[in-house]
Amino acid sequence: MDVPPAPKAALPVITFEHDVTVHLNGEDIRALHFPAGHTDGDAVIFFPKNNVVHMGDDFVRYGFPFIDVASGGSVQGMIAAMDKVSTQLPKDVKVIPGHGGLSNLDDVREYVKMLRETSAVVQKAIDQHKTVEQMKQEKILEPWKKWSGDFIDSDKFIETLYNSLTGKAGEFVKHN
C-alpha cells in the first residue's frame, strides 16, 4: 500500500520522543509516548484534573485491534504501553478508547489479558513450526471469538500476531 506524505497542514504542531506535559486551559496535560504499539509513534493523553485518559488506538473496544506492523507497530509494544499506563493511572480513571465507548481500567486489563493470551497461543504455534494457514484452519483463536469483528477478524489477527512476533512485517499480507 503506497501512502503519500501528509500535507503540511496535517502535520502535528507539537512533536516529542519522550513523555511531555503541556499546560492548557488551566490544566497540566500529560502526553505519554509509546514508540511501537498501534503504530511507530503512539501517545496516551492523561488529563489529571478531570481524571480522564485517552488511549488512542492502543486500546479499542471494537474487538481485536489493528496493529500497523508494517509501520513499526507491534503487539509487544501495545502490551508494554498498556502495562505502563495501567500502573500510572488512578484506579477510578475514565478511559476513552481510540474507538468505542467510555471504559475503565478493568476494561484495559481485560484487553491486555487478551493480547497476552492470543500472542502466547500464536507464539506456541510458531514454535511448533505451524504456518499461518494451519493456525487459521485449527482456529487457534476460537477461545477469544468474542473479540473477532468485522474490521479485524480472528484470521486477520492471527496474521497480525504472526507478523508482529516473527518480525516479518509485510511479508505475509494475505487477506481473504
N, C-alpha and C. Protein backbone atom coordinates (compact mmCIF):
# COMPACT_ATOMS: atom_id res chain seq x y z
N MET A 1 0.85 -1.18 0.00
CA MET A 1 0.00 0.00 0.00
C MET A 1 0.89 1.23 0.00
N ASP A 2 0.72 2.06 -0.99
CA ASP A 2 1.52 3.26 -1.12
C ASP A 2 0.74 4.45 -0.55
N VAL A 3 1.26 5.02 0.53
CA VAL A 3 0.60 6.14 1.18
C VAL A 3 1.44 7.39 0.95
N PRO A 4 0.90 8.39 0.28
CA PRO A 4 1.66 9.62 0.04
C PRO A 4 1.85 10.40 1.35
N PRO A 5 2.88 11.22 1.41
CA PRO A 5 3.09 12.04 2.61
C PRO A 5 1.89 12.95 2.87
N ALA A 6 1.63 13.21 4.14
CA ALA A 6 0.54 14.10 4.51
C ALA A 6 0.89 15.54 4.14
N PRO A 7 -0.10 16.35 3.81
CA PRO A 7 0.18 17.75 3.53
C PRO A 7 0.64 18.45 4.81
N LYS A 8 1.36 19.54 4.66
CA LYS A 8 1.94 20.26 5.79
C LYS A 8 0.88 20.61 6.84
N ALA A 9 -0.31 20.98 6.41
CA ALA A 9 -1.38 21.37 7.34
C ALA A 9 -1.82 20.21 8.23
N ALA A 10 -1.57 18.98 7.81
CA ALA A 10 -1.98 17.81 8.59
C ALA A 10 -0.93 17.38 9.60
N LEU A 11 0.26 17.96 9.53
CA LEU A 11 1.34 17.57 10.44
C LEU A 11 1.12 18.16 11.84
N PRO A 12 1.60 17.48 12.87
CA PRO A 12 1.40 17.96 14.24
C PRO A 12 2.18 19.25 14.52
N VAL A 13 1.63 20.03 15.43
CA VAL A 13 2.28 21.26 15.85
C VAL A 13 3.33 20.95 16.91
N ILE A 14 3.01 20.01 17.80
CA ILE A 14 3.93 19.58 18.86
C ILE A 14 4.32 18.14 18.59
N THR A 15 5.62 17.87 18.59
CA THR A 15 6.11 16.50 18.48
C THR A 15 7.02 16.24 19.67
N PHE A 16 7.17 14.96 20.02
CA PHE A 16 8.01 14.61 21.16
C PHE A 16 8.42 13.15 21.06
N GLU A 17 9.59 12.84 21.64
CA GLU A 17 10.08 11.48 21.64
C GLU A 17 9.96 10.84 23.01
N HIS A 18 9.71 11.63 24.01
CA HIS A 18 9.56 11.17 25.39
C HIS A 18 8.27 11.76 25.94
N ASP A 19 7.93 11.43 27.15
CA ASP A 19 6.73 11.99 27.76
C ASP A 19 6.87 13.51 27.85
N VAL A 20 5.74 14.19 27.74
CA VAL A 20 5.75 15.65 27.79
C VAL A 20 4.49 16.12 28.52
N THR A 21 4.60 17.27 29.17
CA THR A 21 3.45 17.88 29.83
C THR A 21 3.21 19.24 29.19
N VAL A 22 1.96 19.50 28.84
CA VAL A 22 1.57 20.77 28.24
C VAL A 22 0.54 21.41 29.15
N HIS A 23 0.73 22.67 29.47
CA HIS A 23 -0.24 23.40 30.29
C HIS A 23 -1.23 24.07 29.34
N LEU A 24 -2.51 23.71 29.48
CA LEU A 24 -3.54 24.22 28.58
C LEU A 24 -4.84 24.43 29.34
N ASN A 25 -5.41 25.59 29.23
CA ASN A 25 -6.69 25.91 29.88
C ASN A 25 -6.69 25.58 31.37
N GLY A 26 -5.61 25.93 32.05
CA GLY A 26 -5.53 25.73 33.49
C GLY A 26 -5.27 24.30 33.92
N GLU A 27 -4.87 23.45 33.00
CA GLU A 27 -4.61 22.05 33.35
C GLU A 27 -3.29 21.60 32.74
N ASP A 28 -2.54 20.80 33.53
CA ASP A 28 -1.34 20.16 33.01
C ASP A 28 -1.76 18.85 32.36
N ILE A 29 -1.60 18.78 31.06
CA ILE A 29 -1.99 17.59 30.29
C ILE A 29 -0.72 16.80 29.99
N ARG A 30 -0.72 15.53 30.38
CA ARG A 30 0.45 14.68 30.19
C ARG A 30 0.27 13.84 28.93
N ALA A 31 1.28 13.86 28.08
CA ALA A 31 1.30 13.00 26.90
C ALA A 31 2.40 11.98 27.12
N LEU A 32 2.01 10.71 27.14
CA LEU A 32 2.95 9.62 27.36
C LEU A 32 3.28 8.99 26.01
N HIS A 33 4.53 8.97 25.66
CA HIS A 33 4.97 8.47 24.35
C HIS A 33 5.21 6.97 24.40
N PHE A 34 4.67 6.27 23.40
CA PHE A 34 4.90 4.84 23.24
C PHE A 34 5.30 4.59 21.80
N PRO A 35 6.52 4.16 21.57
CA PRO A 35 7.06 4.11 20.22
C PRO A 35 6.61 2.95 19.34
N ALA A 36 6.00 1.91 19.87
CA ALA A 36 5.72 0.77 18.98
C ALA A 36 4.51 -0.04 19.44
N GLY A 37 3.34 0.56 19.40
CA GLY A 37 2.11 -0.15 19.74
C GLY A 37 1.24 -0.26 18.51
N HIS A 38 0.21 0.57 18.45
CA HIS A 38 -0.66 0.60 17.27
C HIS A 38 0.15 0.95 16.02
N THR A 39 1.05 1.93 16.15
CA THR A 39 1.96 2.34 15.07
C THR A 39 3.34 2.55 15.69
N ASP A 40 4.20 3.25 14.96
CA ASP A 40 5.55 3.51 15.47
C ASP A 40 5.64 4.81 16.27
N GLY A 41 4.53 5.43 16.58
CA GLY A 41 4.58 6.67 17.33
C GLY A 41 3.27 6.99 18.00
N ASP A 42 2.96 6.25 19.04
CA ASP A 42 1.68 6.43 19.73
C ASP A 42 1.84 7.32 20.95
N ALA A 43 0.74 7.90 21.36
CA ALA A 43 0.71 8.70 22.59
C ALA A 43 -0.59 8.42 23.32
N VAL A 44 -0.48 8.39 24.63
CA VAL A 44 -1.63 8.29 25.51
C VAL A 44 -1.70 9.63 26.24
N ILE A 45 -2.87 10.25 26.25
CA ILE A 45 -3.02 11.59 26.82
C ILE A 45 -3.83 11.51 28.11
N PHE A 46 -3.23 12.02 29.21
CA PHE A 46 -3.87 11.98 30.52
C PHE A 46 -4.21 13.40 30.96
N PHE A 47 -5.47 13.57 31.33
CA PHE A 47 -5.98 14.85 31.85
C PHE A 47 -6.20 14.67 33.34
N PRO A 48 -5.18 14.90 34.17
CA PRO A 48 -5.28 14.59 35.61
C PRO A 48 -6.38 15.36 36.35
N LYS A 49 -6.60 16.61 35.99
CA LYS A 49 -7.60 17.43 36.67
C LYS A 49 -9.00 16.81 36.54
N ASN A 50 -9.26 16.20 35.39
CA ASN A 50 -10.56 15.60 35.14
C ASN A 50 -10.56 14.07 35.29
N ASN A 51 -9.39 13.51 35.62
CA ASN A 51 -9.24 12.06 35.81
C ASN A 51 -9.70 11.27 34.59
N VAL A 52 -9.20 11.71 33.42
CA VAL A 52 -9.55 11.10 32.14
C VAL A 52 -8.27 10.78 31.38
N VAL A 53 -8.25 9.65 30.71
CA VAL A 53 -7.13 9.30 29.84
C VAL A 53 -7.67 8.90 28.48
N HIS A 54 -7.02 9.39 27.44
CA HIS A 54 -7.36 8.98 26.07
C HIS A 54 -6.25 8.06 25.59
N MET A 55 -6.62 6.81 25.28
CA MET A 55 -5.64 5.79 24.94
C MET A 55 -5.28 5.75 23.47
N GLY A 56 -5.99 6.50 22.64
CA GLY A 56 -5.73 6.38 21.21
C GLY A 56 -6.02 4.96 20.75
N ASP A 57 -5.44 4.57 19.64
CA ASP A 57 -5.74 3.25 19.08
C ASP A 57 -4.93 2.12 19.72
N ASP A 58 -4.19 2.40 20.79
CA ASP A 58 -3.55 1.32 21.54
C ASP A 58 -4.61 0.54 22.33
N PHE A 59 -5.75 1.14 22.58
CA PHE A 59 -6.86 0.48 23.27
C PHE A 59 -8.15 0.80 22.52
N VAL A 60 -8.79 -0.23 22.01
CA VAL A 60 -10.03 -0.06 21.26
C VAL A 60 -11.09 -1.02 21.80
N ARG A 61 -12.34 -0.71 21.54
CA ARG A 61 -13.45 -1.52 22.04
C ARG A 61 -14.19 -2.28 20.94
N TYR A 62 -13.73 -2.21 19.70
CA TYR A 62 -14.44 -2.90 18.62
C TYR A 62 -14.03 -4.36 18.49
N GLY A 63 -13.05 -4.82 19.25
CA GLY A 63 -12.61 -6.21 19.17
C GLY A 63 -11.10 -6.28 19.07
N PHE A 64 -10.60 -7.27 18.29
CA PHE A 64 -9.16 -7.35 18.06
C PHE A 64 -8.69 -6.03 17.47
N PRO A 65 -7.54 -5.53 17.92
CA PRO A 65 -7.07 -4.23 17.43
C PRO A 65 -6.36 -4.35 16.09
N PHE A 66 -6.34 -3.23 15.36
CA PHE A 66 -5.49 -3.11 14.19
C PHE A 66 -4.13 -2.68 14.69
N ILE A 67 -3.11 -3.47 14.39
CA ILE A 67 -1.74 -3.12 14.73
C ILE A 67 -0.99 -2.97 13.42
N ASP A 68 -0.50 -1.78 13.17
CA ASP A 68 0.16 -1.49 11.89
C ASP A 68 1.61 -1.96 11.95
N VAL A 69 1.79 -3.27 11.84
CA VAL A 69 3.12 -3.87 11.94
C VAL A 69 4.03 -3.33 10.85
N ALA A 70 3.51 -3.12 9.66
CA ALA A 70 4.32 -2.61 8.55
C ALA A 70 4.85 -1.20 8.82
N SER A 71 4.21 -0.47 9.72
CA SER A 71 4.65 0.89 10.06
C SER A 71 5.27 0.96 11.45
N GLY A 72 5.78 -0.15 11.94
CA GLY A 72 6.51 -0.13 13.21
C GLY A 72 5.70 -0.46 14.44
N GLY A 73 4.43 -0.77 14.29
CA GLY A 73 3.62 -1.18 15.44
C GLY A 73 3.91 -2.62 15.80
N SER A 74 3.56 -3.01 17.03
CA SER A 74 3.76 -4.40 17.44
C SER A 74 2.83 -4.73 18.60
N VAL A 75 2.46 -6.00 18.67
CA VAL A 75 1.64 -6.44 19.79
C VAL A 75 2.45 -6.33 21.08
N GLN A 76 3.74 -6.60 21.01
CA GLN A 76 4.59 -6.49 22.19
C GLN A 76 4.62 -5.05 22.71
N GLY A 77 4.72 -4.09 21.80
CA GLY A 77 4.72 -2.68 22.18
C GLY A 77 3.38 -2.24 22.73
N MET A 78 2.31 -2.78 22.16
CA MET A 78 0.97 -2.44 22.64
C MET A 78 0.77 -2.95 24.06
N ILE A 79 1.21 -4.17 24.32
CA ILE A 79 1.11 -4.74 25.68
C ILE A 79 1.94 -3.91 26.65
N ALA A 80 3.16 -3.58 26.27
CA ALA A 80 4.05 -2.79 27.13
C ALA A 80 3.44 -1.42 27.43
N ALA A 81 2.85 -0.80 26.42
CA ALA A 81 2.22 0.52 26.61
C ALA A 81 1.07 0.43 27.60
N MET A 82 0.19 -0.54 27.41
CA MET A 82 -0.97 -0.67 28.29
C MET A 82 -0.55 -1.04 29.72
N ASP A 83 0.49 -1.86 29.85
CA ASP A 83 1.00 -2.20 31.18
C ASP A 83 1.53 -0.95 31.89
N LYS A 84 2.33 -0.17 31.17
CA LYS A 84 2.93 1.03 31.77
C LYS A 84 1.85 2.04 32.14
N VAL A 85 0.91 2.26 31.24
CA VAL A 85 -0.16 3.22 31.51
C VAL A 85 -0.99 2.77 32.70
N SER A 86 -1.33 1.51 32.76
CA SER A 86 -2.18 0.99 33.83
C SER A 86 -1.59 1.25 35.21
N THR A 87 -0.26 1.21 35.32
CA THR A 87 0.38 1.42 36.64
C THR A 87 0.46 2.90 37.00
N GLN A 88 0.32 3.79 36.03
CA GLN A 88 0.47 5.22 36.28
C GLN A 88 -0.84 5.96 36.49
N LEU A 89 -1.96 5.27 36.34
CA LEU A 89 -3.25 5.95 36.40
C LEU A 89 -4.02 5.59 37.67
N PRO A 90 -4.85 6.53 38.15
CA PRO A 90 -5.70 6.22 39.30
C PRO A 90 -6.70 5.12 38.96
N LYS A 91 -7.07 4.34 39.96
CA LYS A 91 -7.98 3.19 39.74
C LYS A 91 -9.33 3.61 39.18
N ASP A 92 -9.77 4.83 39.50
CA ASP A 92 -11.10 5.27 39.05
C ASP A 92 -11.06 6.16 37.81
N VAL A 93 -9.96 6.14 37.06
CA VAL A 93 -9.82 6.96 35.87
C VAL A 93 -10.86 6.56 34.82
N LYS A 94 -11.34 7.55 34.09
CA LYS A 94 -12.23 7.30 32.96
C LYS A 94 -11.35 7.12 31.73
N VAL A 95 -11.57 6.03 31.00
CA VAL A 95 -10.72 5.69 29.87
C VAL A 95 -11.49 5.89 28.56
N ILE A 96 -10.94 6.74 27.71
CA ILE A 96 -11.51 6.94 26.38
C ILE A 96 -10.67 6.10 25.41
N PRO A 97 -11.27 5.10 24.78
CA PRO A 97 -10.52 4.31 23.81
C PRO A 97 -10.40 5.05 22.48
N GLY A 98 -9.53 4.54 21.62
CA GLY A 98 -9.43 5.10 20.28
C GLY A 98 -10.73 4.94 19.51
N HIS A 99 -11.44 3.86 19.78
CA HIS A 99 -12.74 3.58 19.16
C HIS A 99 -13.59 2.86 20.20
N GLY A 100 -14.81 3.29 20.36
CA GLY A 100 -15.72 2.62 21.28
C GLY A 100 -16.11 3.50 22.45
N GLY A 101 -16.90 2.92 23.33
CA GLY A 101 -17.47 3.66 24.44
C GLY A 101 -16.52 3.88 25.61
N LEU A 102 -16.91 4.80 26.48
CA LEU A 102 -16.15 5.12 27.68
C LEU A 102 -15.88 3.84 28.47
N SER A 103 -14.67 3.70 28.98
CA SER A 103 -14.24 2.48 29.64
C SER A 103 -13.57 2.79 30.96
N ASN A 104 -13.01 1.72 31.57
CA ASN A 104 -12.28 1.88 32.83
C ASN A 104 -11.04 1.00 32.80
N LEU A 105 -10.26 1.03 33.87
CA LEU A 105 -9.02 0.25 33.90
C LEU A 105 -9.27 -1.25 33.86
N ASP A 106 -10.39 -1.72 34.40
CA ASP A 106 -10.69 -3.15 34.29
C ASP A 106 -10.86 -3.57 32.83
N ASP A 107 -11.47 -2.70 32.02
CA ASP A 107 -11.62 -2.99 30.59
C ASP A 107 -10.24 -3.06 29.92
N VAL A 108 -9.35 -2.14 30.30
CA VAL A 108 -7.99 -2.14 29.75
C VAL A 108 -7.27 -3.42 30.15
N ARG A 109 -7.42 -3.82 31.40
CA ARG A 109 -6.76 -5.05 31.87
C ARG A 109 -7.28 -6.29 31.14
N GLU A 110 -8.58 -6.35 30.87
CA GLU A 110 -9.15 -7.47 30.13
C GLU A 110 -8.58 -7.49 28.70
N TYR A 111 -8.45 -6.34 28.10
CA TYR A 111 -7.90 -6.19 26.76
C TYR A 111 -6.45 -6.67 26.71
N VAL A 112 -5.65 -6.25 27.70
CA VAL A 112 -4.24 -6.66 27.76
C VAL A 112 -4.14 -8.16 27.98
N LYS A 113 -5.01 -8.71 28.80
CA LYS A 113 -5.03 -10.16 29.03
C LYS A 113 -5.28 -10.88 27.71
N MET A 114 -6.22 -10.40 26.92
CA MET A 114 -6.50 -10.99 25.61
C MET A 114 -5.27 -10.91 24.72
N LEU A 115 -4.60 -9.74 24.69
CA LEU A 115 -3.41 -9.58 23.87
C LEU A 115 -2.31 -10.57 24.28
N ARG A 116 -2.12 -10.71 25.59
CA ARG A 116 -1.09 -11.64 26.10
C ARG A 116 -1.43 -13.09 25.71
N GLU A 117 -2.67 -13.47 25.95
CA GLU A 117 -3.07 -14.86 25.72
C GLU A 117 -3.04 -15.21 24.23
N THR A 118 -3.55 -14.33 23.38
CA THR A 118 -3.55 -14.63 21.94
C THR A 118 -2.12 -14.64 21.40
N SER A 119 -1.28 -13.74 21.90
CA SER A 119 0.13 -13.74 21.49
C SER A 119 0.81 -15.04 21.89
N ALA A 120 0.54 -15.52 23.10
CA ALA A 120 1.15 -16.76 23.58
C ALA A 120 0.72 -17.95 22.73
N VAL A 121 -0.55 -18.00 22.35
CA VAL A 121 -1.06 -19.11 21.53
C VAL A 121 -0.40 -19.09 20.15
N VAL A 122 -0.30 -17.92 19.55
CA VAL A 122 0.33 -17.82 18.23
C VAL A 122 1.83 -18.12 18.35
N GLN A 123 2.48 -17.63 19.40
CA GLN A 123 3.91 -17.92 19.58
C GLN A 123 4.14 -19.42 19.74
N LYS A 124 3.27 -20.09 20.47
CA LYS A 124 3.39 -21.55 20.63
C LYS A 124 3.27 -22.24 19.27
N ALA A 125 2.32 -21.79 18.45
CA ALA A 125 2.16 -22.37 17.12
C ALA A 125 3.39 -22.09 16.24
N ILE A 126 3.95 -20.89 16.36
CA ILE A 126 5.18 -20.56 15.62
C ILE A 126 6.30 -21.50 16.06
N ASP A 127 6.42 -21.69 17.37
CA ASP A 127 7.47 -22.57 17.90
C ASP A 127 7.30 -24.01 17.42
N GLN A 128 6.06 -24.38 17.12
CA GLN A 128 5.77 -25.73 16.60
C GLN A 128 5.87 -25.76 15.07
N HIS A 129 6.38 -24.68 14.47
CA HIS A 129 6.60 -24.56 13.03
C HIS A 129 5.31 -24.65 12.22
N LYS A 130 4.22 -24.18 12.80
CA LYS A 130 2.95 -24.16 12.07
C LYS A 130 2.90 -22.93 11.18
N THR A 131 2.24 -23.10 10.04
CA THR A 131 2.06 -21.97 9.13
C THR A 131 0.85 -21.15 9.58
N VAL A 132 0.75 -19.97 9.04
CA VAL A 132 -0.40 -19.13 9.33
C VAL A 132 -1.68 -19.84 8.89
N GLU A 133 -1.63 -20.47 7.72
CA GLU A 133 -2.82 -21.19 7.24
C GLU A 133 -3.22 -22.32 8.18
N GLN A 134 -2.24 -23.03 8.74
CA GLN A 134 -2.56 -24.09 9.71
C GLN A 134 -3.21 -23.49 10.96
N MET A 135 -2.68 -22.37 11.41
CA MET A 135 -3.24 -21.70 12.59
C MET A 135 -4.71 -21.33 12.34
N LYS A 136 -4.97 -20.82 11.14
CA LYS A 136 -6.33 -20.44 10.79
C LYS A 136 -7.24 -21.67 10.72
N GLN A 137 -6.76 -22.72 10.06
CA GLN A 137 -7.55 -23.94 9.93
C GLN A 137 -7.85 -24.56 11.29
N GLU A 138 -6.89 -24.48 12.20
CA GLU A 138 -7.06 -25.04 13.55
C GLU A 138 -7.87 -24.10 14.46
N LYS A 139 -8.18 -22.91 13.95
CA LYS A 139 -8.97 -21.92 14.71
C LYS A 139 -8.39 -21.71 16.11
N ILE A 140 -7.08 -21.41 16.14
CA ILE A 140 -6.39 -21.31 17.43
C ILE A 140 -6.87 -20.13 18.28
N LEU A 141 -7.57 -19.17 17.68
CA LEU A 141 -8.10 -18.04 18.46
C LEU A 141 -9.57 -18.22 18.82
N GLU A 142 -10.09 -19.41 18.66
CA GLU A 142 -11.50 -19.69 18.97
C GLU A 142 -11.88 -19.28 20.40
N PRO A 143 -11.02 -19.52 21.42
CA PRO A 143 -11.40 -19.11 22.78
C PRO A 143 -11.62 -17.60 22.93
N TRP A 144 -11.16 -16.83 21.97
CA TRP A 144 -11.31 -15.36 22.02
C TRP A 144 -12.24 -14.88 20.92
N LYS A 145 -13.15 -15.72 20.47
CA LYS A 145 -14.02 -15.36 19.33
C LYS A 145 -14.87 -14.13 19.61
N LYS A 146 -15.14 -13.82 20.87
CA LYS A 146 -15.94 -12.62 21.16
C LYS A 146 -15.22 -11.35 20.71
N TRP A 147 -13.89 -11.42 20.53
CA TRP A 147 -13.11 -10.26 20.10
C TRP A 147 -13.08 -10.13 18.58
N SER A 148 -13.48 -11.18 17.87
CA SER A 148 -13.45 -11.18 16.41
C SER A 148 -14.54 -10.26 15.89
N GLY A 149 -14.17 -9.36 14.99
CA GLY A 149 -15.16 -8.40 14.50
C GLY A 149 -15.12 -8.26 12.99
N ASP A 150 -15.91 -7.35 12.51
CA ASP A 150 -15.97 -7.09 11.07
C ASP A 150 -14.67 -6.46 10.56
N PHE A 151 -14.05 -5.64 11.39
CA PHE A 151 -12.84 -4.93 10.96
C PHE A 151 -11.62 -5.86 11.03
N ILE A 152 -11.38 -6.45 12.20
CA ILE A 152 -10.29 -7.40 12.39
C ILE A 152 -10.90 -8.69 12.92
N ASP A 153 -10.97 -9.69 12.05
CA ASP A 153 -11.49 -10.98 12.48
C ASP A 153 -10.36 -11.87 12.99
N SER A 154 -10.67 -13.05 13.45
CA SER A 154 -9.68 -13.94 14.02
C SER A 154 -8.55 -14.26 13.04
N ASP A 155 -8.89 -14.51 11.80
CA ASP A 155 -7.86 -14.84 10.81
C ASP A 155 -6.90 -13.66 10.57
N LYS A 156 -7.45 -12.47 10.47
CA LYS A 156 -6.59 -11.29 10.27
C LYS A 156 -5.72 -11.05 11.51
N PHE A 157 -6.28 -11.33 12.69
CA PHE A 157 -5.49 -11.12 13.90
C PHE A 157 -4.39 -12.16 14.03
N ILE A 158 -4.63 -13.38 13.58
CA ILE A 158 -3.55 -14.39 13.53
C ILE A 158 -2.41 -13.86 12.66
N GLU A 159 -2.75 -13.32 11.50
CA GLU A 159 -1.73 -12.75 10.60
C GLU A 159 -0.97 -11.63 11.29
N THR A 160 -1.70 -10.75 11.95
CA THR A 160 -1.07 -9.63 12.65
C THR A 160 -0.11 -10.13 13.72
N LEU A 161 -0.58 -11.06 14.55
CA LEU A 161 0.27 -11.59 15.62
C LEU A 161 1.49 -12.30 15.04
N TYR A 162 1.28 -13.10 14.01
CA TYR A 162 2.39 -13.80 13.36
C TYR A 162 3.43 -12.79 12.88
N ASN A 163 2.99 -11.78 12.15
CA ASN A 163 3.91 -10.77 11.62
C ASN A 163 4.62 -10.02 12.73
N SER A 164 3.91 -9.69 13.79
CA SER A 164 4.50 -8.96 14.90
C SER A 164 5.51 -9.83 15.66
N LEU A 165 5.15 -11.05 15.94
CA LEU A 165 6.00 -11.94 16.73
C LEU A 165 7.23 -12.44 15.97
N THR A 166 7.12 -12.53 14.66
CA THR A 166 8.24 -13.01 13.86
C THR A 166 9.06 -11.88 13.26
N GLY A 167 8.56 -10.65 13.36
CA GLY A 167 9.26 -9.51 12.75
C GLY A 167 9.17 -9.53 11.24
N LYS A 168 8.16 -10.19 10.70
CA LYS A 168 8.01 -10.30 9.25
C LYS A 168 6.94 -9.34 8.74
N ALA A 169 7.01 -8.13 9.18
CA ALA A 169 6.02 -7.14 8.78
C ALA A 169 5.93 -7.02 7.27
N GLY A 170 4.74 -7.19 6.77
CA GLY A 170 4.50 -7.00 5.37
C GLY A 170 4.86 -8.20 4.50
N GLU A 171 5.59 -9.20 5.05
CA GLU A 171 5.97 -10.35 4.24
C GLU A 171 4.79 -11.28 4.02
N PHE A 172 3.91 -11.38 5.01
CA PHE A 172 2.73 -12.22 4.86
C PHE A 172 1.52 -11.33 4.98
N VAL A 173 1.09 -10.78 3.90
CA VAL A 173 -0.09 -9.92 3.91
C VAL A 173 -1.08 -10.53 2.95
N LYS A 174 -1.89 -11.42 3.48
CA LYS A 174 -2.92 -12.08 2.66
C LYS A 174 -4.23 -11.91 3.38
N HIS A 175 -5.14 -11.22 2.77
CA HIS A 175 -6.47 -11.05 3.34
C HIS A 175 -7.47 -11.68 2.41
N ASN A 176 -8.43 -12.41 3.00
CA ASN A 176 -9.44 -13.08 2.21
C ASN A 176 -10.40 -12.10 1.58
